[in-house]
């Protein structure tokens, strides 16, 4: 059938007929093959017969019988069988290679999945760290509440005259005052510095306040503190990571409050820092001599990163993130534009 399809009629005499032999010989001659008249490997390959025989399920045995009917020798038969076996082995090797390739892809997929899992684990760790920083978010939220009261209590608020001269604002919510006969204070807050444009504010650095006067004070009370820095030099110790002792390293005074104080505020502002306490939404000046401010490096690292200093934060070189953005937004919205200092 293969010969007939290619135009070489083998007749109907069977595989060993002269007409079949002549047809094979003519096919071989037309394909530049040795004209032996036998179905050798090259002829079968040209006819694509081997694949058809295997596909039809006749197998090597039937193929050998066909060779013998054409007068092929046992040596030729063995060569053909070897070729067929080699082809089978090659196919098996190819299947093995594909299996190995599949195993490689599977292993690579597993490694990639492990890598993704590792990244997800790091993200989970970061999210866990965010939970630890809940203290920072609480500080910011409470400080924003204090800033909001600056404009909501007209009769008992920090005078605009002082806020216009502010070089920095520190808010320390819920400061604990001493107990059991020993005075003192402790609290956690944050401070932000006004930028050179007179309107915007730096990202805040976190800080602590501690120390204070000693005396016969019974009970424990809590209050919110606001410190208005009118002298930028008062921040230098904090920027360097050194404690700022109020009253010693920088002058501090109880700040005036309310509308009645607006006209009486000294235009030259003799104190470097004005201190205010807030109780039930009302502000009052407070004396803080003997207290000290120091930078909360641990919280700064959690919020901004390991390599950030207080000076970099207050100088405006550190971008505000979501944790501290509400505090800056409140300052930008509520603080008046800076007035040129006459000091």
C-alpha atoms as a PDB file:
ATOM      1  CA  UNK A   1       0.000   0.000   0.000  1.00  0.00           C
ATOM      2  CA  UNK A   2       2.847   2.356   0.789  1.00  0.00           C
ATOM      3  CA  UNK A   3       4.498   1.654  -2.578  1.00  0.00           C
ATOM      4  CA  UNK A   4       1.214   2.015  -4.423  1.00  0.00           C
ATOM      5  CA  UNK A   5       0.506   5.365  -2.754  1.00  0.00           C
ATOM      6  CA  UNK A   6       3.880   6.610  -4.015  1.00  0.00           C
ATOM      7  CA  UNK A   7       3.147   5.450  -7.584  1.00  0.00           C
ATOM      8  CA  UNK A   8       4.977   2.106  -7.618  1.00  0.00           C
ATOM      9  CA  UNK A   9       2.437  -0.700  -8.182  1.00  0.00           C
ATOM     10  CA  UNK A  10       3.521  -3.907  -6.350  1.00  0.00           C
ATOM     11  CA  UNK A  11       0.719  -5.962  -7.854  1.00  0.00           C
ATOM     12  CA  UNK A  12      -1.166  -8.625  -5.939  1.00  0.00           C
ATOM     13  CA  UNK A  13       1.383 -11.441  -5.886  1.00  0.00           C
ATOM     14  CA  UNK A  14       2.371 -10.973  -2.258  1.00  0.00           C
ATOM     15  CA  UNK A  15       5.521  -9.829  -0.582  1.00  0.00           C
ATOM     16  CA  UNK A  16       7.770 -12.305  -2.465  1.00  0.00           C
ATOM     17  CA  UNK A  17       6.421 -11.715  -6.006  1.00  0.00           C
ATOM     18  CA  UNK A  18       8.623 -10.408  -8.802  1.00  0.00           C
ATOM     19  CA  UNK A  19       6.294  -7.445  -9.290  1.00  0.00           C
ATOM     20  CA  UNK A  20       6.735  -6.501  -5.622  1.00  0.00           C
ATOM     21  CA  UNK A  21      10.540  -6.784  -6.006  1.00  0.00           C
ATOM     22  CA  UNK A  22      10.463  -4.628  -9.148  1.00  0.00           C
ATOM     23  CA  UNK A  23       8.304  -2.018  -7.431  1.00  0.00           C
ATOM     24  CA  UNK A  24      10.715  -1.890  -4.474  1.00  0.00           C
ATOM     25  CA  UNK A  25      13.716  -1.596  -6.794  1.00  0.00           C
ATOM     26  CA  UNK A  26      12.104   1.271  -8.765  1.00  0.00           C
ATOM     27  CA  UNK A  27      11.247   3.063  -5.523  1.00  0.00           C
ATOM     28  CA  UNK A  28      14.819   2.660  -4.293  1.00  0.00           C
ATOM     29  CA  UNK A  29      16.236   3.997  -7.575  1.00  0.00           C
ATOM     30  CA  UNK A  30      13.943   7.029  -7.510  1.00  0.00           C
ATOM     31  CA  UNK A  31      15.060   7.801  -3.938  1.00  0.00           C
ATOM     32  CA  UNK A  32      18.810   7.334  -4.647  1.00  0.00           C
ATOM     33  CA  UNK A  33      18.897   4.140  -2.592  1.00  0.00           C
ATOM     34  CA  UNK A  34      20.743   0.889  -3.499  1.00  0.00           C
ATOM     35  CA  UNK A  35      18.384  -1.005  -5.871  1.00  0.00           C
ATOM     36  CA  UNK A  36      18.394  -4.302  -3.954  1.00  0.00           C
ATOM     37  CA  UNK A  37      14.690  -4.981  -4.285  1.00  0.00           C
ATOM     38  CA  UNK A  38      14.589  -5.785  -0.573  1.00  0.00           C
ATOM     39  CA  UNK A  39      12.940  -3.934   2.271  1.00  0.00           C
ATOM     40  CA  UNK A  40      16.077  -2.855   4.081  1.00  0.00           C
ATOM     41  CA  UNK A  41      16.152  -0.263   6.821  1.00  0.00           C
ATOM     42  CA  UNK A  42      16.719   2.713   4.539  1.00  0.00           C
ATOM     43  CA  UNK A  43      13.887   1.675   2.222  1.00  0.00           C
ATOM     44  CA  UNK A  44      11.506   1.128   5.102  1.00  0.00           C
ATOM     45  CA  UNK A  45      12.513   4.484   6.562  1.00  0.00           C
ATOM     46  CA  UNK A  46      11.833   6.172   3.210  1.00  0.00           C
ATOM     47  CA  UNK A  47       8.446   4.459   3.059  1.00  0.00           C
ATOM     48  CA  UNK A  48       7.757   5.256   6.721  1.00  0.00           C
ATOM     49  CA  UNK A  49       6.756   1.612   7.065  1.00  0.00           C
ATOM     50  CA  UNK A  50       8.355   0.868  10.417  1.00  0.00           C
ATOM     51  CA  UNK A  51       6.169   3.307  12.265  1.00  0.00           C
ATOM     52  CA  UNK A  52       3.092   1.943  10.541  1.00  0.00           C
ATOM     53  CA  UNK A  53       4.002  -1.637  11.449  1.00  0.00           C
ATOM     54  CA  UNK A  54       4.511  -0.697  15.097  1.00  0.00           C
ATOM     55  CA  UNK A  55       1.374   1.395  15.116  1.00  0.00           C
ATOM     56  CA  UNK A  56      -0.631  -1.520  13.699  1.00  0.00           C
ATOM     57  CA  UNK A  57       0.676  -3.760  16.475  1.00  0.00           C
ATOM     58  CA  UNK A  58       2.517  -6.309  14.274  1.00  0.00           C
ATOM     59  CA  UNK A  59       5.704  -5.871  16.353  1.00  0.00           C
ATOM     60  CA  UNK A  60       9.230  -7.108  15.597  1.00  0.00           C
ATOM     61  CA  UNK A  61       8.168 -10.756  15.015  1.00  0.00           C
ATOM     62  CA  UNK A  62       5.930  -9.948  12.079  1.00  0.00           C
ATOM     63  CA  UNK A  63       8.586  -7.594  10.825  1.00  0.00           C
ATOM     64  CA  UNK A  64      11.187 -10.403  10.889  1.00  0.00           C
ATOM     65  CA  UNK A  65       8.843 -12.672   8.933  1.00  0.00           C
ATOM     66  CA  UNK A  66       8.502  -9.923   6.353  1.00  0.00           C
ATOM     67  CA  UNK A  67      12.296  -9.661   6.137  1.00  0.00           C
ATOM     68  CA  UNK A  68      12.649 -13.417   5.659  1.00  0.00           C
ATOM     69  CA  UNK A  69      10.010 -13.417   2.928  1.00  0.00           C
ATOM     70  CA  UNK A  70      12.230 -10.936   1.132  1.00  0.00           C
ATOM     71  CA  UNK A  71      15.306 -13.143   1.587  1.00  0.00           C
ATOM     72  CA  UNK A  72      16.933 -11.042   4.310  1.00  0.00           C
ATOM     73  CA  UNK A  73      19.667 -12.671   6.386  1.00  0.00           C
ATOM     74  CA  UNK A  74      19.528 -13.289  10.111  1.00  0.00           C
ATOM     75  CA  UNK A  75      22.286 -10.675  10.469  1.00  0.00           C
ATOM     76  CA  UNK A  76      20.123  -8.084   8.732  1.00  0.00           C
ATOM     77  CA  UNK A  77      17.188  -9.141  10.888  1.00  0.00           C
ATOM     78  CA  UNK A  78      19.243  -8.763  14.058  1.00  0.00           C
ATOM     79  CA  UNK A  79      20.424  -5.337  12.857  1.00  0.00           C
ATOM     80  CA  UNK A  80      16.837  -4.292  12.284  1.00  0.00           C
ATOM     81  CA  UNK A  81      15.788  -5.712  15.659  1.00  0.00           C
ATOM     82  CA  UNK A  82      18.663  -3.833  17.308  1.00  0.00           C
ATOM     83  CA  UNK A  83      17.534  -0.643  15.570  1.00  0.00           C
ATOM     84  CA  UNK A  84      13.994  -1.175  16.766  1.00  0.00           C
ATOM     85  CA  UNK A  85      15.219  -1.849  20.318  1.00  0.00           C
ATOM     86  CA  UNK A  86      17.406   1.248  20.185  1.00  0.00           C
ATOM     87  CA  UNK A  87      14.399   3.272  19.127  1.00  0.00           C
ATOM     88  CA  UNK A  88      12.410   1.806  22.005  1.00  0.00           C
ATOM     89  CA  UNK A  89      15.272   2.543  24.438  1.00  0.00           C
ATOM     90  CA  UNK A  90      15.537   6.088  23.111  1.00  0.00           C
ATOM     91  CA  UNK A  91      11.837   6.551  23.628  1.00  0.00           C
ATOM     92  CA  UNK A  92      12.202   5.181  27.169  1.00  0.00           C
ATOM     93  CA  UNK A  93      15.164   7.504  27.817  1.00  0.00           C
ATOM     94  CA  UNK A  94      13.155  10.410  26.504  1.00  0.00           C
ATOM     95  CA  UNK A  95      10.339   9.484  28.867  1.00  0.00           C
ATOM     96  CA  UNK A  96      12.845   9.265  31.737  1.00  0.00           C
ATOM     97  CA  UNK A  97      14.248  12.691  30.803  1.00  0.00           C
ATOM     98  CA  UNK A  98      10.748  14.107  30.763  1.00  0.00           C
ATOM     99  CA  UNK A  99      10.121  12.568  34.168  1.00  0.00           C
ATOM    100  CA  UNK A 100      13.322  14.142  35.472  1.00  0.00           C
ATOM    101  CA  UNK A 101      12.314  17.449  33.952  1.00  0.00           C
ATOM    102  CA  UNK A 102       8.932  17.126  35.640  1.00  0.00           C
ATOM    103  CA  UNK A 103      10.665  16.327  38.946  1.00  0.00           C
ATOM    104  CA  UNK A 104      12.915  19.365  38.469  1.00  0.00           C
ATOM    105  CA  UNK A 105       9.927  21.595  37.766  1.00  0.00           C
ATOM    106  CA  UNK A 106       8.129  20.126  40.772  1.00  0.00           C
ATOM    107  CA  UNK A 107      11.147  20.686  43.024  1.00  0.00           C
ATOM    108  CA  UNK A 108      11.609  24.196  41.679  1.00  0.00           C
ATOM    109  CA  UNK A 109       7.935  24.886  42.265  1.00  0.00           C
ATOM    110  CA  UNK A 110       8.304  23.612  45.828  1.00  0.00           C
ATOM    111  CA  UNK A 111      11.368  25.823  46.360  1.00  0.00           C
ATOM    112  CA  UNK A 112       9.525  28.825  44.925  1.00  0.00           C
ATOM    113  CA  UNK A 113       6.594  28.052  47.187  1.00  0.00           C
ATOM    114  CA  UNK A 114       8.970  27.795  50.140  1.00  0.00           C
ATOM    115  CA  UNK A 115      10.465  31.154  49.166  1.00  0.00           C
ATOM    116  CA  UNK A 116       7.003  32.705  49.013  1.00  0.00           C
ATOM    117  CA  UNK A 117       6.144  31.146  52.368  1.00  0.00           C
ATOM    118  CA  UNK A 118       9.354  32.601  53.814  1.00  0.00           C
ATOM    119  CA  UNK A 119       8.449  36.050  52.503  1.00  0.00           C
ATOM    120  CA  UNK A 120       4.960  35.702  53.893  1.00  0.00           C
ATOM    121  CA  UNK A 121       6.508  34.707  57.207  1.00  0.00           C
ATOM    122  CA  UNK A 122       8.585  37.895  57.186  1.00  0.00           C
ATOM    123  CA  UNK A 123       5.437  39.883  56.415  1.00  0.00           C
ATOM    124  CA  UNK A 124       3.701  38.175  59.309  1.00  0.00           C
ATOM    125  CA  UNK A 125       6.637  39.072  61.519  1.00  0.00           C
ATOM    126  CA  UNK A 126       6.361  42.691  60.368  1.00  0.00           C
ATOM    127  CA  UNK A 127       2.654  42.650  61.111  1.00  0.00           C
ATOM    128  CA  UNK A 128       3.391  41.262  64.564  1.00  0.00           C
ATOM    129  CA  UNK A 129       5.846  44.133  65.099  1.00  0.00           C
ATOM    130  CA  UNK A 130       3.059  46.530  64.132  1.00  0.00           C
ATOM    131  CA  UNK A 131       0.962  45.091  66.945  1.00  0.00           C
ATOM    132  CA  UNK A 132       3.803  45.736  69.392  1.00  0.00           C
ATOM    133  CA  UNK A 133       3.809  49.380  68.231  1.00  0.00           C
ATOM    134  CA  UNK A 134       0.245  49.881  69.417  1.00  0.00           C
ATOM    135  CA  UNK A 135       1.747  52.064  72.167  1.00  0.00           C
ATOM    136  CA  UNK A 136       3.046  54.455  69.493  1.00  0.00           C
ATOM    137  CA  UNK A 137      -0.375  54.682  67.827  1.00  0.00           C
ATOM    138  CA  UNK A 138      -2.026  55.291  71.184  1.00  0.00           C
ATOM    139  CA  UNK A 139       0.403  58.099  71.963  1.00  0.00           C
ATOM    140  CA  UNK A 140      -0.281  59.717  68.599  1.00  0.00           C
ATOM    141  CA  UNK A 141      -4.060  59.425  68.960  1.00  0.00           C
ATOM    142  CA  UNK A 142      -4.072  60.949  72.444  1.00  0.00           C
ATOM    143  CA  UNK A 143      -1.680  63.729  71.370  1.00  0.00           C
ATOM    144  CA  UNK A 144      -3.989  64.610  68.471  1.00  0.00           C
ATOM    145  CA  UNK A 145      -6.891  64.847  70.932  1.00  0.00           C
ATOM    146  CA  UNK A 146      -4.883  67.310  73.027  1.00  0.00           C
ATOM    147  CA  UNK A 147      -4.043  69.411  69.969  1.00  0.00           C
ATOM    148  CA  UNK A 148      -7.710  69.509  68.984  1.00  0.00           C
ATOM    149  CA  UNK A 149      -8.516  71.128  72.341  1.00  0.00           C
ATOM    150  CA  UNK A 150      -6.139  73.985  71.545  1.00  0.00           C
ATOM    151  CA  UNK A 151      -8.870  75.509  69.375  1.00  0.00           C
ATOM    152  CA  UNK A 152     -11.969  74.153  71.125  1.00  0.00           C
ATOM    153  CA  UNK A 153     -11.535  75.918  74.487  1.00  0.00           C
ATOM    154  CA  UNK A 154     -11.469  79.666  73.765  1.00  0.00           C
ATOM    155  CA  UNK A 155     -11.496  80.764  77.419  1.00  0.00           C
ATOM    156  CA  UNK A 156      -8.802  78.337  78.578  1.00  0.00           C
ATOM    157  CA  UNK A 157      -6.394  77.695  75.713  1.00  0.00           C
ATOM    158  CA  UNK A 158      -2.799  78.405  74.770  1.00  0.00           C
ATOM    159  CA  UNK A 159      -2.594  81.956  73.389  1.00  0.00           C
ATOM    160  CA  UNK A 160      -2.161  82.274  69.620  1.00  0.00           C
ATOM    161  CA  UNK A 161       0.659  84.757  70.265  1.00  0.00           C
ATOM    162  CA  UNK A 162       2.768  81.943  71.770  1.00  0.00           C
ATOM    163  CA  UNK A 163       1.786  79.328  69.187  1.00  0.00           C
ATOM    164  CA  UNK A 164       2.807  81.710  66.378  1.00  0.00           C
ATOM    165  CA  UNK A 165       6.316  81.810  67.848  1.00  0.00           C
ATOM    166  CA  UNK A 166       6.581  78.087  68.428  1.00  0.00           C
ATOM    167  CA  UNK A 167       9.725  76.448  67.057  1.00  0.00           C
ATOM    168  CA  UNK A 168       8.568  73.036  68.275  1.00  0.00           C
ATOM    169  CA  UNK A 169       5.592  71.474  70.026  1.00  0.00           C
ATOM    170  CA  UNK A 170       5.811  68.555  72.459  1.00  0.00           C
ATOM    171  CA  UNK A 171       2.670  66.761  73.606  1.00  0.00           C
ATOM    172  CA  UNK A 172       2.896  64.245  76.454  1.00  0.00           C
ATOM    173  CA  UNK A 173      -0.515  62.743  77.185  1.00  0.00           C
ATOM    174  CA  UNK A 174      -1.442  61.193  80.524  1.00  0.00           C
ATOM    175  CA  UNK A 175       1.553  62.191  82.617  1.00  0.00           C
ATOM    176  CA  UNK A 176       1.468  60.443  85.978  1.00  0.00           C
ATOM    177  CA  UNK A 177       2.170  62.650  88.996  1.00  0.00           C
ATOM    178  CA  UNK A 178       3.852  61.182  92.063  1.00  0.00           C
ATOM    179  CA  UNK A 179       2.262  59.373  94.985  1.00  0.00           C
ATOM    180  CA  UNK A 180       2.678  58.381  98.633  1.00  0.00           C
ATOM    181  CA  UNK A 181       4.506  61.484  99.769  1.00  0.00           C
ATOM    182  CA  UNK A 182       7.047  61.581  96.969  1.00  0.00           C
ATOM    183  CA  UNK A 183       6.454  64.010  94.095  1.00  0.00           C
ATOM    184  CA  UNK A 184       7.527  63.376  90.569  1.00  0.00           C
ATOM    185  CA  UNK A 185       6.279  62.830  87.069  1.00  0.00           C
ATOM    186  CA  UNK A 186       6.565  60.256  84.325  1.00  0.00           C
ATOM    187  CA  UNK A 187       5.045  60.191  80.874  1.00  0.00           C
ATOM    188  CA  UNK A 188       5.527  59.303  77.218  1.00  0.00           C
ATOM    189  CA  UNK A 189       4.931  61.650  74.326  1.00  0.00           C
ATOM    190  CA  UNK A 190       6.343  63.091  71.124  1.00  0.00           C
ATOM    191  CA  UNK A 191       7.769  66.323  69.792  1.00  0.00           C
ATOM    192  CA  UNK A 192       7.793  67.850  66.313  1.00  0.00           C
ATOM    193  CA  UNK A 193       9.823  70.804  65.012  1.00  0.00           C
ATOM    194  CA  UNK A 194       8.539  73.545  62.734  1.00  0.00           C
ATOM    195  CA  UNK A 195      10.185  73.563  59.316  1.00  0.00           C
ATOM    196  CA  UNK A 196      11.896  76.595  57.751  1.00  0.00           C
ATOM    197  CA  UNK A 197       8.846  77.465  55.633  1.00  0.00           C
ATOM    198  CA  UNK A 198       7.037  78.450  58.859  1.00  0.00           C
ATOM    199  CA  UNK A 199       4.018  76.251  58.098  1.00  0.00           C
ATOM    200  CA  UNK A 200       4.923  72.570  57.912  1.00  0.00           C
ATOM    201  CA  UNK A 201       6.222  70.310  60.681  1.00  0.00           C
ATOM    202  CA  UNK A 202       8.767  67.519  60.918  1.00  0.00           C
ATOM    203  CA  UNK A 203       7.922  63.936  61.691  1.00  0.00           C
ATOM    204  CA  UNK A 204       7.798  63.639  65.498  1.00  0.00           C
ATOM    205  CA  UNK A 205      10.440  61.986  67.623  1.00  0.00           C
ATOM    206  CA  UNK A 206       9.177  59.998  70.594  1.00  0.00           C
ATOM    207  CA  UNK A 207      10.291  61.023  74.084  1.00  0.00           C
ATOM    208  CA  UNK A 208       9.874  60.487  77.828  1.00  0.00           C
ATOM    209  CA  UNK A 209       9.538  62.944  80.676  1.00  0.00           C
ATOM    210  CA  UNK A 210      10.611  62.080  84.193  1.00  0.00           C
ATOM    211  CA  UNK A 211      11.654  63.559  87.502  1.00  0.00           C
ATOM    212  CA  UNK A 212      10.248  66.631  89.156  1.00  0.00           C
ATOM    213  CA  UNK A 213       9.740  68.176  92.542  1.00  0.00           C
ATOM    214  CA  UNK A 214       9.559  66.285  95.847  1.00  0.00           C
ATOM    215  CA  UNK A 215       7.064  67.141  98.496  1.00  0.00           C
ATOM    216  CA  UNK A 216       4.112  66.045 100.565  1.00  0.00           C
ATOM    217  CA  UNK A 217       1.792  64.991  97.741  1.00  0.00           C
ATOM    218  CA  UNK A 218      -0.698  62.253  98.468  1.00  0.00           C
ATOM    219  CA  UNK A 219      -2.554  60.367  95.783  1.00  0.00           C
ATOM    220  CA  UNK A 220      -1.878  59.894  92.100  1.00  0.00           C
ATOM    221  CA  UNK A 221      -3.132  62.187  89.379  1.00  0.00           C
ATOM    222  CA  UNK A 222      -2.713  62.248  85.632  1.00  0.00           C
ATOM    223  CA  UNK A 223      -2.612  65.192  83.279  1.00  0.00           C
ATOM    224  CA  UNK A 224      -1.715  66.026  79.685  1.00  0.00           C
ATOM    225  CA  UNK A 225       1.323  68.242  79.076  1.00  0.00           C
ATOM    226  CA  UNK A 226       2.035  70.567  76.177  1.00  0.00           C
ATOM    227  CA  UNK A 227       5.470  72.169  75.872  1.00  0.00           C
ATOM    228  CA  UNK A 228       5.858  75.080  73.475  1.00  0.00           C
ATOM    229  CA  UNK A 229       9.506  75.625  72.460  1.00  0.00           C
ATOM    230  CA  UNK A 230      10.107  79.242  71.425  1.00  0.00           C
ATOM    231  CA  UNK A 231      13.882  78.752  71.208  1.00  0.00           C
ATOM    232  CA  UNK A 232      15.213  76.242  68.692  1.00  0.00           C
ATOM    233  CA  UNK A 233      18.454  75.893  70.677  1.00  0.00           C
ATOM    234  CA  UNK A 234      16.477  74.175  73.436  1.00  0.00           C
ATOM    235  CA  UNK A 235      16.075  71.165  71.126  1.00  0.00           C
ATOM    236  CA  UNK A 236      19.780  70.662  70.453  1.00  0.00           C
ATOM    237  CA  UNK A 237      20.395  68.423  73.446  1.00  0.00           C
ATOM    238  CA  UNK A 238      17.473  66.193  72.470  1.00  0.00           C
ATOM    239  CA  UNK A 239      18.721  66.042  68.884  1.00  0.00           C
ATOM    240  CA  UNK A 240      22.074  64.804  70.156  1.00  0.00           C
ATOM    241  CA  UNK A 241      20.397  62.139  72.276  1.00  0.00           C
ATOM    242  CA  UNK A 242      21.196  63.911  75.556  1.00  0.00           C
ATOM    243  CA  UNK A 243      18.653  64.519  78.304  1.00  0.00           C
ATOM    244  CA  UNK A 244      17.173  68.016  78.390  1.00  0.00           C
ATOM    245  CA  UNK A 245      16.831  69.150  82.002  1.00  0.00           C
ATOM    246  CA  UNK A 246      14.002  71.656  82.238  1.00  0.00           C
ATOM    247  CA  UNK A 247      14.974  74.777  84.161  1.00  0.00           C
ATOM    248  CA  UNK A 248      18.668  73.905  84.020  1.00  0.00           C
ATOM    249  CA  UNK A 249      19.523  73.284  80.359  1.00  0.00           C
ATOM    250  CA  UNK A 250      16.660  75.427  79.100  1.00  0.00           C
ATOM    251  CA  UNK A 251      14.530  78.011  80.883  1.00  0.00           C
ATOM    252  CA  UNK A 252      10.926  76.968  81.375  1.00  0.00           C
ATOM    253  CA  UNK A 253       7.902  78.839  82.626  1.00  0.00           C
ATOM    254  CA  UNK A 254       4.253  78.179  83.256  1.00  0.00           C
ATOM    255  CA  UNK A 255       2.537  79.478  80.154  1.00  0.00           C
ATOM    256  CA  UNK A 256      -0.262  82.048  80.205  1.00  0.00           C
ATOM    257  CA  UNK A 257      -3.695  80.887  79.077  1.00  0.00           C
ATOM    258  CA  UNK A 258      -6.960  82.239  77.709  1.00  0.00           C
ATOM    259  CA  UNK A 259      -8.057  85.298  75.806  1.00  0.00           C
ATOM    260  CA  UNK A 260      -7.137  87.620  78.637  1.00  0.00           C
ATOM    261  CA  UNK A 261      -3.490  86.616  78.255  1.00  0.00           C
ATOM    262  CA  UNK A 262      -3.320  87.343  74.524  1.00  0.00           C
ATOM    263  CA  UNK A 263      -2.439  91.028  74.898  1.00  0.00           C
ATOM    264  CA  UNK A 264      -0.229  90.545  77.936  1.00  0.00           C
ATOM    265  CA  UNK A 265       2.195  88.034  76.460  1.00  0.00           C
ATOM    266  CA  UNK A 266       5.660  89.536  76.323  1.00  0.00           C
ATOM    267  CA  UNK A 267       6.563  90.001  72.669  1.00  0.00           C
ATOM    268  CA  UNK A 268      10.193  89.134  73.453  1.00  0.00           C
ATOM    269  CA  UNK A 269       9.252  85.869  75.204  1.00  0.00           C
ATOM    270  CA  UNK A 270      11.924  85.523  77.831  1.00  0.00           C
ATOM    271  CA  UNK A 271      11.488  81.766  78.414  1.00  0.00           C
ATOM    272  CA  UNK A 272      12.744  79.107  75.984  1.00  0.00           C
ATOM    273  CA  UNK A 273       9.873  76.749  76.826  1.00  0.00           C
ATOM    274  CA  UNK A 274       6.320  77.385  78.007  1.00  0.00           C
ATOM    275  CA  UNK A 275       4.611  74.537  79.846  1.00  0.00           C
ATOM    276  CA  UNK A 276       0.888  73.782  79.938  1.00  0.00           C
ATOM    277  CA  UNK A 277      -1.233  71.108  81.549  1.00  0.00           C
ATOM    278  CA  UNK A 278      -4.663  70.083  80.318  1.00  0.00           C
ATOM    279  CA  UNK A 279      -7.386  68.819  82.613  1.00  0.00           C
ATOM    280  CA  UNK A 280     -10.898  68.182  81.319  1.00  0.00           C
ATOM    281  CA  UNK A 281     -10.167  70.105  78.127  1.00  0.00           C
ATOM    282  CA  UNK A 282      -8.891  73.236  79.884  1.00  0.00           C
ATOM    283  CA  UNK A 283      -5.288  74.401  79.779  1.00  0.00           C
ATOM    284  CA  UNK A 284      -3.331  75.902  82.653  1.00  0.00           C
ATOM    285  CA  UNK A 285       0.294  76.902  83.065  1.00  0.00           C
ATOM    286  CA  UNK A 286       2.369  74.416  85.049  1.00  0.00           C
ATOM    287  CA  UNK A 287       5.822  74.534  86.671  1.00  0.00           C
ATOM    288  CA  UNK A 288       8.085  71.668  85.635  1.00  0.00           C
ATOM    289  CA  UNK A 289      11.470  72.636  87.089  1.00  0.00           C
ATOM    290  CA  UNK A 290      13.560  69.569  87.785  1.00  0.00           C
ATOM    291  CA  UNK A 291      11.888  67.379  85.156  1.00  0.00           C
ATOM    292  CA  UNK A 292      13.920  66.033  82.259  1.00  0.00           C
ATOM    293  CA  UNK A 293      13.098  65.095  78.674  1.00  0.00           C
ATOM    294  CA  UNK A 294      14.934  62.274  76.913  1.00  0.00           C
ATOM    295  CA  UNK A 295      14.502  60.643  73.530  1.00  0.00           C
ATOM    296  CA  UNK A 296      12.665  57.309  73.363  1.00  0.00           C
ATOM    297  CA  UNK A 297      15.134  55.573  71.022  1.00  0.00           C
ATOM    298  CA  UNK A 298      13.404  52.202  71.275  1.00  0.00           C
ATOM    299  CA  UNK A 299      10.122  53.576  69.999  1.00  0.00           C
ATOM    300  CA  UNK A 300      11.830  55.610  67.278  1.00  0.00           C
ATOM    301  CA  UNK A 301      13.475  52.430  66.001  1.00  0.00           C
ATOM    302  CA  UNK A 302      10.180  50.571  65.966  1.00  0.00           C
ATOM    303  CA  UNK A 303       8.393  53.342  64.105  1.00  0.00           C
ATOM    304  CA  UNK A 304      11.107  54.639  61.748  1.00  0.00           C
ATOM    305  CA  UNK A 305      13.820  51.985  61.566  1.00  0.00           C
ATOM    306  CA  UNK A 306      17.156  51.048  63.125  1.00  0.00           C
ATOM    307  CA  UNK A 307      19.379  53.757  61.636  1.00  0.00           C
ATOM    308  CA  UNK A 308      17.313  56.855  62.381  1.00  0.00           C
ATOM    309  CA  UNK A 309      18.482  59.473  64.879  1.00  0.00           C
ATOM    310  CA  UNK A 310      16.408  62.083  66.690  1.00  0.00           C
ATOM    311  CA  UNK A 311      18.245  64.840  64.808  1.00  0.00           C
ATOM    312  CA  UNK A 312      17.405  63.306  61.423  1.00  0.00           C
ATOM    313  CA  UNK A 313      13.752  63.092  62.432  1.00  0.00           C
ATOM    314  CA  UNK A 314      13.459  66.648  63.789  1.00  0.00           C
ATOM    315  CA  UNK A 315      15.429  68.170  60.897  1.00  0.00           C
ATOM    316  CA  UNK A 316      12.847  66.820  58.469  1.00  0.00           C
ATOM    317  CA  UNK A 317      15.047  64.160  56.861  1.00  0.00           C
ATOM    318  CA  UNK A 318      12.716  61.314  57.811  1.00  0.00           C
ATOM    319  CA  UNK A 319       9.409  60.864  56.019  1.00  0.00           C
ATOM    320  CA  UNK A 320       6.309  60.548  58.154  1.00  0.00           C
ATOM    321  CA  UNK A 321       4.599  57.168  57.997  1.00  0.00           C
ATOM    322  CA  UNK A 322       1.021  56.124  58.704  1.00  0.00           C
ATOM    323  CA  UNK A 323       1.695  55.757  62.430  1.00  0.00           C
ATOM    324  CA  UNK A 324       2.621  59.427  62.968  1.00  0.00           C
ATOM    325  CA  UNK A 325       0.856  61.116  60.067  1.00  0.00           C
ATOM    326  CA  UNK A 326      -2.248  62.085  62.161  1.00  0.00           C
ATOM    327  CA  UNK A 327      -0.071  64.107  64.537  1.00  0.00           C
ATOM    328  CA  UNK A 328       1.570  66.073  61.711  1.00  0.00           C
ATOM    329  CA  UNK A 329      -1.782  66.623  60.016  1.00  0.00           C
ATOM    330  CA  UNK A 330      -3.174  68.059  63.243  1.00  0.00           C
ATOM    331  CA  UNK A 331      -0.196  70.418  63.616  1.00  0.00           C
ATOM    332  CA  UNK A 332      -0.480  71.575  60.003  1.00  0.00           C
ATOM    333  CA  UNK A 333      -4.206  72.163  60.432  1.00  0.00           C
ATOM    334  CA  UNK A 334      -4.299  73.762  63.885  1.00  0.00           C
ATOM    335  CA  UNK A 335      -1.034  75.633  64.386  1.00  0.00           C
ATOM    336  CA  UNK A 336      -0.913  79.221  63.117  1.00  0.00           C
ATOM    337  CA  UNK A 337       1.784  80.254  60.680  1.00  0.00           C
ATOM    338  CA  UNK A 338       5.062  81.192  62.339  1.00  0.00           C
ATOM    339  CA  UNK A 339       5.540  84.812  63.350  1.00  0.00           C
ATOM    340  CA  UNK A 340       9.018  86.250  62.833  1.00  0.00           C
ATOM    341  CA  UNK A 341      10.770  86.157  66.186  1.00  0.00           C
ATOM    342  CA  UNK A 342      12.019  89.368  67.742  1.00  0.00           C
ATOM    343  CA  UNK A 343      14.406  87.619  70.125  1.00  0.00           C
END
